Amino acid sequence: MTSLLVLSGSRPAAVPTALVAEHIAVRLSLTGFDVEHLDLRRLPPDQLLGAEGPALEEATARVAAARGLIIASAVHASSYTGLLKAFLDVLPLGALAGKTVLPLATGAGPEDSLALDYALRPVLAALGARHVVAGCFLPDGAVGPAGAEGAALLEPGAELRLFQAVDEFIQSLPVSPLAAWAE
């Protein structure tokens, strides 16, 4: 089973980014993927800023174990969050080697979408990502609060864009040689 990690790096739990990250994790797990959601807000700040500690070691091990990552952040001041930056900074070079990555961002307006390509994509490439698929940007206003099942309520156009990006991500995941041989 393909192991995926949804990594979210936005501070308040109720922000659209956290809701969308959980929405994706739930939907992918229902389709047969082994999915975990790593919410960086849950990491002890002293370990994250000190770049050491058991919780941080566990988090980096989860990144290492995943075949694909969806990395979600809100956009503030034309860039992804400092929380996400702090975590990416403690990952060793090559931490994303062999992995497919889908960058995802939420923000106030269309100009915030530039953060995906000009701020986040170069960092993911520097960490050795095998393939960074086209990112997906969702305006904050397109994401509603969690519904009865805990998933975010998205405007139809936003949900379509999100799942087109997720489909491209899934199709770009590396296929293990053994899985290809068995087919």
C-alpha atoms as a PDB file:
ATOM      1  CA  MET A   1       0.000   0.000   0.000  1.00  0.00           C
ATOM      2  CA  THR A   2       1.334   3.428  -0.911  1.00  0.00           C
ATOM      3  CA  SER A   3       2.167   5.560   2.110  1.00  0.00           C
ATOM      4  CA  LEU A   4       1.241   9.230   1.840  1.00  0.00           C
ATOM      5  CA  LEU A   5       1.810  12.093   4.245  1.00  0.00           C
ATOM      6  CA  VAL A   6      -0.280  15.246   4.352  1.00  0.00           C
ATOM      7  CA  LEU A   7       1.838  17.888   6.034  1.00  0.00           C
ATOM      8  CA  SER A   8       0.098  21.062   7.167  1.00  0.00           C
ATOM      9  CA  GLY A   9       1.902  24.083   8.505  1.00  0.00           C
ATOM     10  CA  SER A  10      -0.598  26.728   9.468  1.00  0.00           C
ATOM     11  CA  ARG A  11      -1.073  28.017  12.968  1.00  0.00           C
ATOM     12  CA  PRO A  12      -4.772  28.164  13.891  1.00  0.00           C
ATOM     13  CA  ALA A  13      -6.687  24.899  13.534  1.00  0.00           C
ATOM     14  CA  ALA A  14      -9.697  26.582  11.953  1.00  0.00           C
ATOM     15  CA  VAL A  15      -7.852  28.187   9.059  1.00  0.00           C
ATOM     16  CA  PRO A  16      -8.821  26.926   5.611  1.00  0.00           C
ATOM     17  CA  THR A  17      -5.444  25.230   5.104  1.00  0.00           C
ATOM     18  CA  ALA A  18      -5.848  22.878   8.054  1.00  0.00           C
ATOM     19  CA  LEU A  19      -9.396  22.056   6.988  1.00  0.00           C
ATOM     20  CA  VAL A  20      -8.334  21.307   3.417  1.00  0.00           C
ATOM     21  CA  ALA A  21      -5.367  19.194   4.573  1.00  0.00           C
ATOM     22  CA  GLU A  22      -7.632  17.055   6.734  1.00  0.00           C
ATOM     23  CA  HIS A  23     -10.179  16.873   3.891  1.00  0.00           C
ATOM     24  CA  ILE A  24      -7.526  15.477   1.552  1.00  0.00           C
ATOM     25  CA  ALA A  25      -6.220  13.008   4.154  1.00  0.00           C
ATOM     26  CA  VAL A  26      -9.713  11.633   4.781  1.00  0.00           C
ATOM     27  CA  ARG A  27     -10.604  11.379   1.086  1.00  0.00           C
ATOM     28  CA  LEU A  28      -7.330   9.646   0.157  1.00  0.00           C
ATOM     29  CA  SER A  29      -7.624   7.163   3.029  1.00  0.00           C
ATOM     30  CA  LEU A  30     -11.097   6.217   1.762  1.00  0.00           C
ATOM     31  CA  THR A  31      -9.578   5.326  -1.627  1.00  0.00           C
ATOM     32  CA  GLY A  32      -7.145   2.784  -0.202  1.00  0.00           C
ATOM     33  CA  PHE A  33      -4.025   4.829   0.495  1.00  0.00           C
ATOM     34  CA  ASP A  34      -2.211   4.602   3.796  1.00  0.00           C
ATOM     35  CA  VAL A  35      -2.455   8.302   4.744  1.00  0.00           C
ATOM     36  CA  GLU A  36      -1.227  10.203   7.750  1.00  0.00           C
ATOM     37  CA  HIS A  37      -1.773  13.868   8.528  1.00  0.00           C
ATOM     38  CA  LEU A  38       1.164  15.559  10.237  1.00  0.00           C
ATOM     39  CA  ASP A  39      -0.070  18.828  11.706  1.00  0.00           C
ATOM     40  CA  LEU A  40       3.058  20.843  12.506  1.00  0.00           C
ATOM     41  CA  ARG A  41       1.171  22.831  15.160  1.00  0.00           C
ATOM     42  CA  ARG A  42       1.358  19.714  17.309  1.00  0.00           C
ATOM     43  CA  LEU A  43       5.165  19.646  17.395  1.00  0.00           C
ATOM     44  CA  PRO A  44       6.725  21.066  20.569  1.00  0.00           C
ATOM     45  CA  PRO A  45       8.067  24.526  19.641  1.00  0.00           C
ATOM     46  CA  ASP A  46      11.300  24.011  21.595  1.00  0.00           C
ATOM     47  CA  GLN A  47      12.075  20.861  19.587  1.00  0.00           C
ATOM     48  CA  LEU A  48      11.202  22.494  16.284  1.00  0.00           C
ATOM     49  CA  LEU A  49      13.267  25.610  16.935  1.00  0.00           C
ATOM     50  CA  GLY A  50      16.084  23.664  18.589  1.00  0.00           C
ATOM     51  CA  ALA A  51      16.121  21.173  15.692  1.00  0.00           C
ATOM     52  CA  GLU A  52      16.187  18.162  18.001  1.00  0.00           C
ATOM     53  CA  GLY A  53      13.959  16.040  20.167  1.00  0.00           C
ATOM     54  CA  PRO A  54      11.889  12.857  20.029  1.00  0.00           C
ATOM     55  CA  ALA A  55       8.748  14.425  18.511  1.00  0.00           C
ATOM     56  CA  LEU A  56      10.800  16.058  15.778  1.00  0.00           C
ATOM     57  CA  GLU A  57      12.667  12.802  15.094  1.00  0.00           C
ATOM     58  CA  GLU A  58       9.327  11.000  14.761  1.00  0.00           C
ATOM     59  CA  ALA A  59       8.029  13.692  12.395  1.00  0.00           C
ATOM     60  CA  THR A  60      11.105  13.504  10.149  1.00  0.00           C
ATOM     61  CA  ALA A  61      10.850   9.701  10.171  1.00  0.00           C
ATOM     62  CA  ARG A  62       7.259  10.008   8.930  1.00  0.00           C
ATOM     63  CA  VAL A  63       8.505  12.182   6.051  1.00  0.00           C
ATOM     64  CA  ALA A  64      11.188   9.600   5.262  1.00  0.00           C
ATOM     65  CA  ALA A  65       8.656   6.738   5.225  1.00  0.00           C
ATOM     66  CA  ALA A  66       6.180   8.411   2.877  1.00  0.00           C
ATOM     67  CA  ARG A  67       6.262   7.808  -0.878  1.00  0.00           C
ATOM     68  CA  GLY A  68       4.387  11.031  -1.540  1.00  0.00           C
ATOM     69  CA  LEU A  69       3.704  14.226   0.364  1.00  0.00           C
ATOM     70  CA  ILE A  70       1.026  16.878   0.151  1.00  0.00           C
ATOM     71  CA  ILE A  71       2.463  20.000   1.743  1.00  0.00           C
ATOM     72  CA  ALA A  72      -0.153  22.564   2.719  1.00  0.00           C
ATOM     73  CA  SER A  73       0.324  26.093   3.987  1.00  0.00           C
ATOM     74  CA  ALA A  74      -1.524  29.337   4.296  1.00  0.00           C
ATOM     75  CA  VAL A  75       0.098  32.255   2.507  1.00  0.00           C
ATOM     76  CA  HIS A  76       1.181  35.219   4.632  1.00  0.00           C
ATOM     77  CA  ALA A  77       3.283  38.119   3.371  1.00  0.00           C
ATOM     78  CA  SER A  78       3.659  36.454  -0.053  1.00  0.00           C
ATOM     79  CA  SER A  79       5.175  33.245   1.329  1.00  0.00           C
ATOM     80  CA  TYR A  80       4.307  30.013   3.101  1.00  0.00           C
ATOM     81  CA  THR A  81       4.168  30.069   6.891  1.00  0.00           C
ATOM     82  CA  GLY A  82       7.150  30.323   9.213  1.00  0.00           C
ATOM     83  CA  LEU A  83       5.969  27.152  10.931  1.00  0.00           C
ATOM     84  CA  LEU A  84       6.352  25.192   7.697  1.00  0.00           C
ATOM     85  CA  LYS A  85       9.675  26.928   6.969  1.00  0.00           C
ATOM     86  CA  ALA A  86      11.018  25.964  10.408  1.00  0.00           C
ATOM     87  CA  PHE A  87      10.131  22.311   9.757  1.00  0.00           C
ATOM     88  CA  LEU A  88      11.532  22.230   6.225  1.00  0.00           C
ATOM     89  CA  ASP A  89      14.742  23.785   7.553  1.00  0.00           C
ATOM     90  CA  VAL A  90      15.371  20.856   9.920  1.00  0.00           C
ATOM     91  CA  LEU A  91      14.926  18.234   7.214  1.00  0.00           C
ATOM     92  CA  PRO A  92      18.234  16.941   5.919  1.00  0.00           C
ATOM     93  CA  LEU A  93      19.209  17.643   2.317  1.00  0.00           C
ATOM     94  CA  GLY A  94      17.769  14.899   0.177  1.00  0.00           C
ATOM     95  CA  ALA A  95      14.892  14.288   2.618  1.00  0.00           C
ATOM     96  CA  LEU A  96      12.424  14.341  -0.278  1.00  0.00           C
ATOM     97  CA  ALA A  97      14.546  12.275  -2.675  1.00  0.00           C
ATOM     98  CA  GLY A  98      12.424   9.835  -4.655  1.00  0.00           C
ATOM     99  CA  LYS A  99       9.186  11.413  -3.469  1.00  0.00           C
ATOM    100  CA  THR A 100       6.359  13.081  -5.335  1.00  0.00           C
ATOM    101  CA  VAL A 101       5.128  16.292  -3.736  1.00  0.00           C
ATOM    102  CA  LEU A 102       1.935  18.296  -4.180  1.00  0.00           C
ATOM    103  CA  PRO A 103       2.222  21.857  -2.839  1.00  0.00           C
ATOM    104  CA  LEU A 104      -1.072  23.311  -1.661  1.00  0.00           C
ATOM    105  CA  ALA A 105      -1.788  26.844  -0.455  1.00  0.00           C
ATOM    106  CA  THR A 106      -4.703  28.903   0.743  1.00  0.00           C
ATOM    107  CA  GLY A 107      -4.739  32.668   0.823  1.00  0.00           C
ATOM    108  CA  ALA A 108      -6.680  35.888   0.568  1.00  0.00           C
ATOM    109  CA  GLY A 109      -6.488  36.437  -3.173  1.00  0.00           C
ATOM    110  CA  PRO A 110      -5.088  35.256  -6.500  1.00  0.00           C
ATOM    111  CA  GLU A 111      -1.771  37.086  -5.997  1.00  0.00           C
ATOM    112  CA  ASP A 112      -1.077  34.732  -3.065  1.00  0.00           C
ATOM    113  CA  SER A 113      -0.953  31.804  -5.502  1.00  0.00           C
ATOM    114  CA  LEU A 114       2.495  32.994  -6.613  1.00  0.00           C
ATOM    115  CA  ALA A 115       3.923  31.712  -3.318  1.00  0.00           C
ATOM    116  CA  LEU A 116       3.572  28.144  -4.594  1.00  0.00           C
ATOM    117  CA  ASP A 117       5.962  28.576  -7.507  1.00  0.00           C
ATOM    118  CA  TYR A 118       8.230  31.336  -6.255  1.00  0.00           C
ATOM    119  CA  ALA A 119       8.608  30.493  -2.563  1.00  0.00           C
ATOM    120  CA  LEU A 120       7.722  26.846  -1.873  1.00  0.00           C
ATOM    121  CA  ARG A 121       8.652  24.973  -5.081  1.00  0.00           C
ATOM    122  CA  PRO A 122      12.379  25.934  -4.954  1.00  0.00           C
ATOM    123  CA  VAL A 123      12.665  24.670  -1.366  1.00  0.00           C
ATOM    124  CA  LEU A 124      11.005  21.367  -2.248  1.00  0.00           C
ATOM    125  CA  ALA A 125      13.345  20.951  -5.209  1.00  0.00           C
ATOM    126  CA  ALA A 126      16.353  21.770  -3.013  1.00  0.00           C
ATOM    127  CA  LEU A 127      15.261  19.014  -0.620  1.00  0.00           C
ATOM    128  CA  GLY A 128      15.501  16.597  -3.563  1.00  0.00           C
ATOM    129  CA  ALA A 129      11.851  15.956  -4.448  1.00  0.00           C
ATOM    130  CA  ARG A 130      11.675  13.541  -7.379  1.00  0.00           C
ATOM    131  CA  HIS A 131       8.694  15.374  -8.817  1.00  0.00           C
ATOM    132  CA  VAL A 132       6.811  18.465  -7.635  1.00  0.00           C
ATOM    133  CA  VAL A 133       3.441  18.447  -9.373  1.00  0.00           C
ATOM    134  CA  ALA A 134       1.619  21.647 -10.258  1.00  0.00           C
ATOM    135  CA  GLY A 135       0.480  23.230  -7.036  1.00  0.00           C
ATOM    136  CA  CYS A 136      -3.079  23.993  -6.077  1.00  0.00           C
ATOM    137  CA  PHE A 137      -4.174  27.341  -4.665  1.00  0.00           C
ATOM    138  CA  LEU A 138      -7.544  27.816  -3.000  1.00  0.00           C
ATOM    139  CA  PRO A 139      -8.832  31.224  -1.936  1.00  0.00           C
ATOM    140  CA  ASP A 140      -9.838  31.328   1.725  1.00  0.00           C
ATOM    141  CA  GLY A 141     -13.392  32.226   0.734  1.00  0.00           C
ATOM    142  CA  ALA A 142     -13.783  28.970  -1.210  1.00  0.00           C
ATOM    143  CA  VAL A 143     -13.280  26.870   1.914  1.00  0.00           C
ATOM    144  CA  GLY A 144     -16.082  26.579   4.444  1.00  0.00           C
ATOM    145  CA  PRO A 145     -16.004  25.124   7.944  1.00  0.00           C
ATOM    146  CA  ALA A 146     -15.913  21.401   8.494  1.00  0.00           C
ATOM    147  CA  GLY A 147     -19.146  19.572   7.831  1.00  0.00           C
ATOM    148  CA  ALA A 148     -20.724  16.748   9.794  1.00  0.00           C
ATOM    149  CA  GLU A 149     -18.086  14.232   8.675  1.00  0.00           C
ATOM    150  CA  GLY A 150     -15.221  16.554   9.640  1.00  0.00           C
ATOM    151  CA  ALA A 151     -14.238  17.352   6.061  1.00  0.00           C
ATOM    152  CA  ALA A 152     -14.006  20.891   4.762  1.00  0.00           C
ATOM    153  CA  LEU A 153     -16.861  22.189   2.688  1.00  0.00           C
ATOM    154  CA  LEU A 154     -15.447  23.507  -0.574  1.00  0.00           C
ATOM    155  CA  GLU A 155     -17.086  25.527  -3.300  1.00  0.00           C
ATOM    156  CA  PRO A 156     -17.639  23.224  -6.304  1.00  0.00           C
ATOM    157  CA  GLY A 157     -15.014  24.938  -8.490  1.00  0.00           C
ATOM    158  CA  ALA A 158     -12.440  24.823  -5.696  1.00  0.00           C
ATOM    159  CA  GLU A 159     -13.136  21.165  -4.991  1.00  0.00           C
ATOM    160  CA  LEU A 160     -12.764  20.346  -8.687  1.00  0.00           C
ATOM    161  CA  ARG A 161      -9.370  22.151  -8.867  1.00  0.00           C
ATOM    162  CA  LEU A 162      -8.226  20.444  -5.671  1.00  0.00           C
ATOM    163  CA  PHE A 163      -9.080  16.953  -6.825  1.00  0.00           C
ATOM    164  CA  GLN A 164      -7.637  17.502 -10.294  1.00  0.00           C
ATOM    165  CA  ALA A 165      -4.362  18.384  -8.536  1.00  0.00           C
ATOM    166  CA  VAL A 166      -4.679  15.354  -6.244  1.00  0.00           C
ATOM    167  CA  ASP A 167      -5.341  13.111  -9.269  1.00  0.00           C
ATOM    168  CA  GLU A 168      -2.193  14.426 -10.974  1.00  0.00           C
ATOM    169  CA  PHE A 169      -0.287  13.813  -7.733  1.00  0.00           C
ATOM    170  CA  ILE A 170      -1.550  10.216  -7.498  1.00  0.00           C
ATOM    171  CA  GLN A 171      -0.660   9.526 -11.137  1.00  0.00           C
ATOM    172  CA  SER A 172       2.845  10.900 -10.539  1.00  0.00           C
ATOM    173  CA  LEU A 173       3.629   8.726  -7.511  1.00  0.00           C
ATOM    174  CA  PRO A 174       6.639   6.498  -7.969  1.00  0.00           C
ATOM    175  CA  VAL A 175       5.817   2.905  -8.750  1.00  0.00           C
ATOM    176  CA  SER A 176       7.953   0.409  -6.924  1.00  0.00           C
ATOM    177  CA  PRO A 177       9.779  -2.025  -9.239  1.00  0.00           C
ATOM    178  CA  LEU A 178       8.219  -4.978  -7.395  1.00  0.00           C
ATOM    179  CA  ALA A 179       4.668  -3.636  -7.835  1.00  0.00           C
ATOM    180  CA  ALA A 180       5.260  -3.047 -11.553  1.00  0.00           C
ATOM    181  CA  TRP A 181       6.748  -6.539 -11.938  1.00  0.00           C
ATOM    182  CA  ALA A 182       3.756  -8.174 -10.215  1.00  0.00           C
ATOM    183  CA  GLU A 183       1.247  -6.627 -12.640  1.00  0.00           C
END
